[in-house]
Amino acid sequence: MRYEIRVENGLDRYWSAWFDGLHVGSEPGGLTVISGVVADQAALHGLLAKIRDLGLVLISVRCLDRPANHDQPNES
């Protein structure tokens, strides 16, 4: 799944290796966006732990891949 994680503070692109090769970019206002493919939920939790360990303020975590049946009602 592809994720986009926004944090406060301006990390530069050199942090990409520390975040398992994910893209690290800056936005106006001092926000950093970390994005890319995350293997599974365990890997996502590992990334969030790294953000915590750096003392960064987590703004949002967004899954960019929508499941194909997201808008379909469950049939029973």
PDB file of N, CA and C in Angstrom:
ATOM      1  N   MET A   1       0.833  -1.180   0.000  1.00  0.00           N
ATOM      2  CA  MET A   1       0.000   0.000   0.000  1.00  0.00           C
ATOM      3  C   MET A   1       0.878   1.243   0.000  1.00  0.00           C
ATOM      4  N   ARG A   2       0.408   2.269  -0.662  1.00  0.00           N
ATOM      5  CA  ARG A   2       1.121   3.546  -0.682  1.00  0.00           C
ATOM      6  C   ARG A   2       0.548   4.444   0.418  1.00  0.00           C
ATOM      7  N   TYR A   3       1.456   5.071   1.148  1.00  0.00           N
ATOM      8  CA  TYR A   3       1.069   5.955   2.250  1.00  0.00           C
ATOM      9  C   TYR A   3       1.719   7.318   2.097  1.00  0.00           C
ATOM     10  N   GLU A   4       1.070   8.299   2.692  1.00  0.00           N
ATOM     11  CA  GLU A   4       1.603   9.656   2.784  1.00  0.00           C
ATOM     12  C   GLU A   4       1.519  10.058   4.254  1.00  0.00           C
ATOM     13  N   ILE A   5       2.662  10.355   4.836  1.00  0.00           N
ATOM     14  CA  ILE A   5       2.745  10.726   6.243  1.00  0.00           C
ATOM     15  C   ILE A   5       3.247  12.159   6.314  1.00  0.00           C
ATOM     16  N   ARG A   6       2.523  13.006   7.015  1.00  0.00           N
ATOM     17  CA  ARG A   6       2.916  14.418   7.170  1.00  0.00           C
ATOM     18  C   ARG A   6       3.338  14.661   8.620  1.00  0.00           C
ATOM     19  N   VAL A   7       4.468  15.346   8.761  1.00  0.00           N
ATOM     20  CA  VAL A   7       4.987  15.687  10.080  1.00  0.00           C
ATOM     21  C   VAL A   7       5.428  17.144  10.085  1.00  0.00           C
ATOM     22  N   GLU A   8       5.482  17.724  11.294  1.00  0.00           N
ATOM     23  CA  GLU A   8       6.050  19.061  11.435  1.00  0.00           C
ATOM     24  C   GLU A   8       7.560  18.932  11.401  1.00  0.00           C
ATOM     25  N   ASN A   9       8.221  19.985  11.006  1.00  0.00           N
ATOM     26  CA  ASN A   9       9.684  20.067  10.904  1.00  0.00           C
ATOM     27  C   ASN A   9      10.104  19.826   9.467  1.00  0.00           C
ATOM     28  N   GLY A  10      11.178  20.435   9.117  1.00  0.00           N
ATOM     29  CA  GLY A  10      11.672  20.323   7.750  1.00  0.00           C
ATOM     30  C   GLY A  10      12.803  19.328   7.618  1.00  0.00           C
ATOM     31  N   LEU A  11      12.469  18.067   7.439  1.00  0.00           N
ATOM     32  CA  LEU A  11      13.499  17.078   7.126  1.00  0.00           C
ATOM     33  C   LEU A  11      13.849  17.204   5.649  1.00  0.00           C
ATOM     34  N   ASP A  12      15.104  17.008   5.309  1.00  0.00           N
ATOM     35  CA  ASP A  12      15.458  17.069   3.892  1.00  0.00           C
ATOM     36  C   ASP A  12      15.469  15.667   3.288  1.00  0.00           C
ATOM     37  N   ARG A  13      15.711  15.619   1.993  1.00  0.00           N
ATOM     38  CA  ARG A  13      15.628  14.351   1.252  1.00  0.00           C
ATOM     39  C   ARG A  13      16.653  13.327   1.704  1.00  0.00           C
ATOM     40  N   TYR A  14      17.688  13.752   2.391  1.00  0.00           N
ATOM     41  CA  TYR A  14      18.717  12.824   2.854  1.00  0.00           C
ATOM     42  C   TYR A  14      18.211  11.863   3.928  1.00  0.00           C
ATOM     43  N   TRP A  15      17.057  12.144   4.486  1.00  0.00           N
ATOM     44  CA  TRP A  15      16.450  11.244   5.462  1.00  0.00           C
ATOM     45  C   TRP A  15      15.779  10.046   4.792  1.00  0.00           C
ATOM     46  N   SER A  16      15.682  10.046   3.492  1.00  0.00           N
ATOM     47  CA  SER A  16      15.009   8.971   2.763  1.00  0.00           C
ATOM     48  C   SER A  16      15.550   7.592   3.133  1.00  0.00           C
ATOM     49  N   ALA A  17      16.847   7.432   3.211  1.00  0.00           N
ATOM     50  CA  ALA A  17      17.441   6.131   3.543  1.00  0.00           C
ATOM     51  C   ALA A  17      17.002   5.673   4.935  1.00  0.00           C
ATOM     52  N   TRP A  18      16.908   6.605   5.871  1.00  0.00           N
ATOM     53  CA  TRP A  18      16.513   6.250   7.232  1.00  0.00           C
ATOM     54  C   TRP A  18      15.050   5.811   7.283  1.00  0.00           C
ATOM     55  N   PHE A  19      14.251   6.325   6.342  1.00  0.00           N
ATOM     56  CA  PHE A  19      12.839   5.951   6.247  1.00  0.00           C
ATOM     57  C   PHE A  19      12.633   4.882   5.173  1.00  0.00           C
ATOM     58  N   ASP A  20      13.556   3.929   5.114  1.00  0.00           N
ATOM     59  CA  ASP A  20      13.440   2.750   4.247  1.00  0.00           C
ATOM     60  C   ASP A  20      13.256   3.088   2.768  1.00  0.00           C
ATOM     61  N   GLY A  21      13.888   4.158   2.309  1.00  0.00           N
ATOM     62  CA  GLY A  21      13.844   4.524   0.901  1.00  0.00           C
ATOM     63  C   GLY A  21      12.599   5.271   0.459  1.00  0.00           C
ATOM     64  N   LEU A  22      11.727   5.628   1.389  1.00  0.00           N
ATOM     65  CA  LEU A  22      10.542   6.407   1.026  1.00  0.00           C
ATOM     66  C   LEU A  22      10.955   7.818   0.614  1.00  0.00           C
ATOM     67  N   HIS A  23      10.121   8.455  -0.184  1.00  0.00           N
ATOM     68  CA  HIS A  23      10.385   9.823  -0.616  1.00  0.00           C
ATOM     69  C   HIS A  23      10.151  10.766   0.560  1.00  0.00           C
ATOM     70  N   VAL A  24      11.101  11.663   0.785  1.00  0.00           N
ATOM     71  CA  VAL A  24      10.974  12.673   1.837  1.00  0.00           C
ATOM     72  C   VAL A  24      11.044  14.038   1.161  1.00  0.00           C
ATOM     73  N   GLY A  25       9.989  14.813   1.309  1.00  0.00           N
ATOM     74  CA  GLY A  25       9.943  16.130   0.684  1.00  0.00           C
ATOM     75  C   GLY A  25       9.377  17.180   1.627  1.00  0.00           C
ATOM     76  N   SER A  26       9.612  18.423   1.294  1.00  0.00           N
ATOM     77  CA  SER A  26       9.153  19.544   2.119  1.00  0.00           C
ATOM     78  C   SER A  26       7.975  20.240   1.474  1.00  0.00           C
ATOM     79  N   GLU A  27       7.139  20.820   2.317  1.00  0.00           N
ATOM     80  CA  GLU A  27       6.019  21.639   1.872  1.00  0.00           C
ATOM     81  C   GLU A  27       6.113  22.986   2.577  1.00  0.00           C
ATOM     82  N   PRO A  28       5.435  23.997   2.027  1.00  0.00           N
ATOM     83  CA  PRO A  28       5.425  25.300   2.693  1.00  0.00           C
ATOM     84  C   PRO A  28       4.919  25.176   4.131  1.00  0.00           C
ATOM     85  N   GLY A  29       5.426  26.020   4.982  1.00  0.00           N
ATOM     86  CA  GLY A  29       5.005  26.021   6.371  1.00  0.00           C
ATOM     87  C   GLY A  29       5.792  25.071   7.247  1.00  0.00           C
ATOM     88  N   GLY A  30       6.869  24.515   6.709  1.00  0.00           N
ATOM     89  CA  GLY A  30       7.720  23.656   7.513  1.00  0.00           C
ATOM     90  C   GLY A  30       7.247  22.218   7.655  1.00  0.00           C
ATOM     91  N   LEU A  31       6.297  21.798   6.812  1.00  0.00           N
ATOM     92  CA  LEU A  31       5.836  20.415   6.871  1.00  0.00           C
ATOM     93  C   LEU A  31       6.732  19.517   6.034  1.00  0.00           C
ATOM     94  N   THR A  32       6.881  18.284   6.478  1.00  0.00           N
ATOM     95  CA  THR A  32       7.607  17.269   5.728  1.00  0.00           C
ATOM     96  C   THR A  32       6.620  16.179   5.343  1.00  0.00           C
ATOM     97  N   VAL A  33       6.705  15.718   4.091  1.00  0.00           N
ATOM     98  CA  VAL A  33       5.863  14.628   3.611  1.00  0.00           C
ATOM     99  C   VAL A  33       6.759  13.438   3.332  1.00  0.00           C
ATOM    100  N   ILE A  34       6.428  12.318   3.953  1.00  0.00           N
ATOM    101  CA  ILE A  34       7.132  11.055   3.745  1.00  0.00           C
ATOM    102  C   ILE A  34       6.140  10.153   3.018  1.00  0.00           C
ATOM    103  N   SER A  35       6.497   9.687   1.817  1.00  0.00           N
ATOM    104  CA  SER A  35       5.523   8.928   1.040  1.00  0.00           C
ATOM    105  C   SER A  35       6.171   7.794   0.267  1.00  0.00           C
ATOM    106  N   GLY A  36       5.353   6.802  -0.038  1.00  0.00           N
ATOM    107  CA  GLY A  36       5.804   5.675  -0.833  1.00  0.00           C
ATOM    108  C   GLY A  36       5.114   4.392  -0.422  1.00  0.00           C
ATOM    109  N   VAL A  37       5.613   3.297  -0.962  1.00  0.00           N
ATOM    110  CA  VAL A  37       5.023   1.984  -0.705  1.00  0.00           C
ATOM    111  C   VAL A  37       5.539   1.441   0.627  1.00  0.00           C
ATOM    112  N   VAL A  38       4.601   1.020   1.453  1.00  0.00           N
ATOM    113  CA  VAL A  38       4.909   0.413   2.746  1.00  0.00           C
ATOM    114  C   VAL A  38       4.434  -1.038   2.671  1.00  0.00           C
ATOM    115  N   ALA A  39       5.312  -1.969   2.987  1.00  0.00           N
ATOM    116  CA  ALA A  39       5.049  -3.392   2.772  1.00  0.00           C
ATOM    117  C   ALA A  39       3.811  -3.911   3.493  1.00  0.00           C
ATOM    118  N   ASP A  40       3.653  -3.539   4.752  1.00  0.00           N
ATOM    119  CA  ASP A  40       2.539  -4.064   5.541  1.00  0.00           C
ATOM    120  C   ASP A  40       2.341  -3.193   6.780  1.00  0.00           C
ATOM    121  N   GLN A  41       1.395  -3.589   7.614  1.00  0.00           N
ATOM    122  CA  GLN A  41       1.090  -2.806   8.812  1.00  0.00           C
ATOM    123  C   GLN A  41       2.265  -2.769   9.786  1.00  0.00           C
ATOM    124  N   ALA A  42       3.016  -3.854   9.860  1.00  0.00           N
ATOM    125  CA  ALA A  42       4.186  -3.865  10.749  1.00  0.00           C
ATOM    126  C   ALA A  42       5.212  -2.832  10.295  1.00  0.00           C
ATOM    127  N   ALA A  43       5.427  -2.726   8.988  1.00  0.00           N
ATOM    128  CA  ALA A  43       6.361  -1.728   8.453  1.00  0.00           C
ATOM    129  C   ALA A  43       5.847  -0.314   8.709  1.00  0.00           C
ATOM    130  N   LEU A  44       4.544  -0.107   8.594  1.00  0.00           N
ATOM    131  CA  LEU A  44       3.954   1.203   8.870  1.00  0.00           C
ATOM    132  C   LEU A  44       4.170   1.583  10.335  1.00  0.00           C
ATOM    133  N   HIS A  45       3.960   0.655  11.233  1.00  0.00           N
ATOM    134  CA  HIS A  45       4.177   0.926  12.655  1.00  0.00           C
ATOM    135  C   HIS A  45       5.654   1.211  12.932  1.00  0.00           C
ATOM    136  N   GLY A  46       6.541   0.538  12.202  1.00  0.00           N
ATOM    137  CA  GLY A  46       7.972   0.811  12.338  1.00  0.00           C
ATOM    138  C   GLY A  46       8.307   2.232  11.917  1.00  0.00           C
ATOM    139  N   LEU A  47       7.702   2.699  10.820  1.00  0.00           N
ATOM    140  CA  LEU A  47       7.923   4.081  10.369  1.00  0.00           C
ATOM    141  C   LEU A  47       7.401   5.080  11.398  1.00  0.00           C
ATOM    142  N   LEU A  48       6.230   4.787  11.934  1.00  0.00           N
ATOM    143  CA  LEU A  48       5.662   5.682  12.945  1.00  0.00           C
ATOM    144  C   LEU A  48       6.531   5.706  14.205  1.00  0.00           C
ATOM    145  N   ALA A  49       7.144   4.582  14.548  1.00  0.00           N
ATOM    146  CA  ALA A  49       8.053   4.545  15.697  1.00  0.00           C
ATOM    147  C   ALA A  49       9.290   5.407  15.427  1.00  0.00           C
ATOM    148  N   LYS A  50       9.789   5.399  14.198  1.00  0.00           N
ATOM    149  CA  LYS A  50      10.939   6.245  13.848  1.00  0.00           C
ATOM    150  C   LYS A  50      10.574   7.718  13.987  1.00  0.00           C
ATOM    151  N   ILE A  51       9.376   8.064  13.540  1.00  0.00           N
ATOM    152  CA  ILE A  51       8.904   9.450  13.659  1.00  0.00           C
ATOM    153  C   ILE A  51       8.824   9.836  15.130  1.00  0.00           C
ATOM    154  N   ARG A  52       8.289   8.950  15.934  1.00  0.00           N
ATOM    155  CA  ARG A  52       8.213   9.187  17.389  1.00  0.00           C
ATOM    156  C   ARG A  52       9.601   9.352  17.986  1.00  0.00           C
ATOM    157  N   ASP A  53      10.527   8.464  17.603  1.00  0.00           N
ATOM    158  CA  ASP A  53      11.877   8.496  18.161  1.00  0.00           C
ATOM    159  C   ASP A  53      12.626   9.779  17.809  1.00  0.00           C
ATOM    160  N   LEU A  54      12.292  10.373  16.657  1.00  0.00           N
ATOM    161  CA  LEU A  54      12.896  11.647  16.266  1.00  0.00           C
ATOM    162  C   LEU A  54      12.245  12.836  16.979  1.00  0.00           C
ATOM    163  N   GLY A  55      11.145  12.579  17.672  1.00  0.00           N
ATOM    164  CA  GLY A  55      10.444  13.655  18.368  1.00  0.00           C
ATOM    165  C   GLY A  55       9.652  14.540  17.432  1.00  0.00           C
ATOM    166  N   LEU A  56       9.305  14.027  16.246  1.00  0.00           N
ATOM    167  CA  LEU A  56       8.537  14.808  15.278  1.00  0.00           C
ATOM    168  C   LEU A  56       7.059  14.794  15.646  1.00  0.00           C
ATOM    169  N   VAL A  57       6.368  15.871  15.303  1.00  0.00           N
ATOM    170  CA  VAL A  57       4.930  15.957  15.541  1.00  0.00           C
ATOM    171  C   VAL A  57       4.221  15.373  14.328  1.00  0.00           C
ATOM    172  N   LEU A  58       3.452  14.310  14.553  1.00  0.00           N
ATOM    173  CA  LEU A  58       2.702  13.649  13.489  1.00  0.00           C
ATOM    174  C   LEU A  58       1.457  14.466  13.166  1.00  0.00           C
ATOM    175  N   ILE A  59       1.309  14.829  11.900  1.00  0.00           N
ATOM    176  CA  ILE A  59       0.146  15.600  11.459  1.00  0.00           C
ATOM    177  C   ILE A  59      -0.925  14.675  10.882  1.00  0.00           C
ATOM    178  N   SER A  60      -0.517  13.779   9.978  1.00  0.00           N
ATOM    179  CA  SER A  60      -1.492  12.873   9.376  1.00  0.00           C
ATOM    180  C   SER A  60      -0.813  11.656   8.765  1.00  0.00           C
ATOM    181  N   VAL A  61      -1.593  10.586   8.653  1.00  0.00           N
ATOM    182  CA  VAL A  61      -1.196   9.372   7.940  1.00  0.00           C
ATOM    183  C   VAL A  61      -2.344   9.068   7.001  1.00  0.00           C
ATOM    184  N   ARG A  62      -2.031   8.970   5.715  1.00  0.00           N
ATOM    185  CA  ARG A  62      -3.089   8.754   4.729  1.00  0.00           C
ATOM    186  C   ARG A  62      -2.712   7.606   3.801  1.00  0.00           C
ATOM    187  N   CYS A  63      -3.612   6.664   3.638  1.00  0.00           N
ATOM    188  CA  CYS A  63      -3.424   5.585   2.685  1.00  0.00           C
ATOM    189  C   CYS A  63      -3.858   6.107   1.315  1.00  0.00           C
ATOM    190  N   LEU A  64      -2.965   6.014   0.332  1.00  0.00           N
ATOM    191  CA  LEU A  64      -3.263   6.550  -0.994  1.00  0.00           C
ATOM    192  C   LEU A  64      -3.902   5.518  -1.919  1.00  0.00           C
ATOM    193  N   ASP A  65      -3.818   4.242  -1.554  1.00  0.00           N
ATOM    194  CA  ASP A  65      -4.437   3.174  -2.349  1.00  0.00           C
ATOM    195  C   ASP A  65      -5.800   2.865  -1.767  1.00  0.00           C
ATOM    196  N   ARG A  66      -6.791   2.938  -2.607  1.00  0.00           N
ATOM    197  CA  ARG A  66      -8.148   2.622  -2.171  1.00  0.00           C
ATOM    198  C   ARG A  66      -8.484   1.186  -2.532  1.00  0.00           C
ATOM    199  N   PRO A  67      -8.977   0.413  -1.610  1.00  0.00           N
ATOM    200  CA  PRO A  67      -9.410  -0.939  -1.967  1.00  0.00           C
ATOM    201  C   PRO A  67     -10.478  -0.887  -3.056  1.00  0.00           C
ATOM    202  N   ALA A  68     -10.456  -1.830  -3.961  1.00  0.00           N
ATOM    203  CA  ALA A  68     -11.378  -1.837  -5.101  1.00  0.00           C
ATOM    204  C   ALA A  68     -12.838  -1.865  -4.666  1.00  0.00           C
ATOM    205  N   ASN A  69     -13.152  -2.511  -3.559  1.00  0.00           N
ATOM    206  CA  ASN A  69     -14.546  -2.626  -3.136  1.00  0.00           C
ATOM    207  C   ASN A  69     -14.895  -1.642  -2.017  1.00  0.00           C
ATOM    208  N   HIS A  70     -14.131  -0.576  -1.879  1.00  0.00           N
ATOM    209  CA  HIS A  70     -14.338   0.391  -0.789  1.00  0.00           C
ATOM    210  C   HIS A  70     -15.758   0.962  -0.766  1.00  0.00           C
ATOM    211  N   ASP A  71     -16.328   1.266  -1.940  1.00  0.00           N
ATOM    212  CA  ASP A  71     -17.650   1.887  -2.003  1.00  0.00           C
ATOM    213  C   ASP A  71     -18.775   0.870  -2.165  1.00  0.00           C
ATOM    214  N   GLN A  72     -18.444  -0.398  -2.228  1.00  0.00           N
ATOM    215  CA  GLN A  72     -19.440  -1.429  -2.431  1.00  0.00           C
ATOM    216  C   GLN A  72     -19.998  -1.885  -1.102  1.00  0.00           C
ATOM    217  N   PRO A  73     -21.323  -1.955  -0.978  1.00  0.00           N
ATOM    218  CA  PRO A  73     -21.899  -2.478   0.260  1.00  0.00           C
ATOM    219  C   PRO A  73     -21.595  -3.967   0.404  1.00  0.00           C
ATOM    220  N   ASN A  74     -21.458  -4.416   1.636  1.00  0.00           N
ATOM    221  CA  ASN A  74     -21.243  -5.851   1.873  1.00  0.00           C
ATOM    222  C   ASN A  74     -22.537  -6.598   1.603  1.00  0.00           C
ATOM    223  N   GLU A  75     -22.424  -7.696   0.866  1.00  0.00           N
ATOM    224  CA  GLU A  75     -23.605  -8.528   0.580  1.00  0.00           C
ATOM    225  C   GLU A  75     -23.558  -9.729   1.505  1.00  0.00           C
ATOM    226  N   SER A  76     -24.645  -9.955   2.192  1.00  0.00           N
ATOM    227  CA  SER A  76     -24.714 -11.101   3.101  1.00  0.00           C
ATOM    228  C   SER A  76     -25.737 -12.092   2.651  1.00  0.00           C
TER     229      SER A  76
END
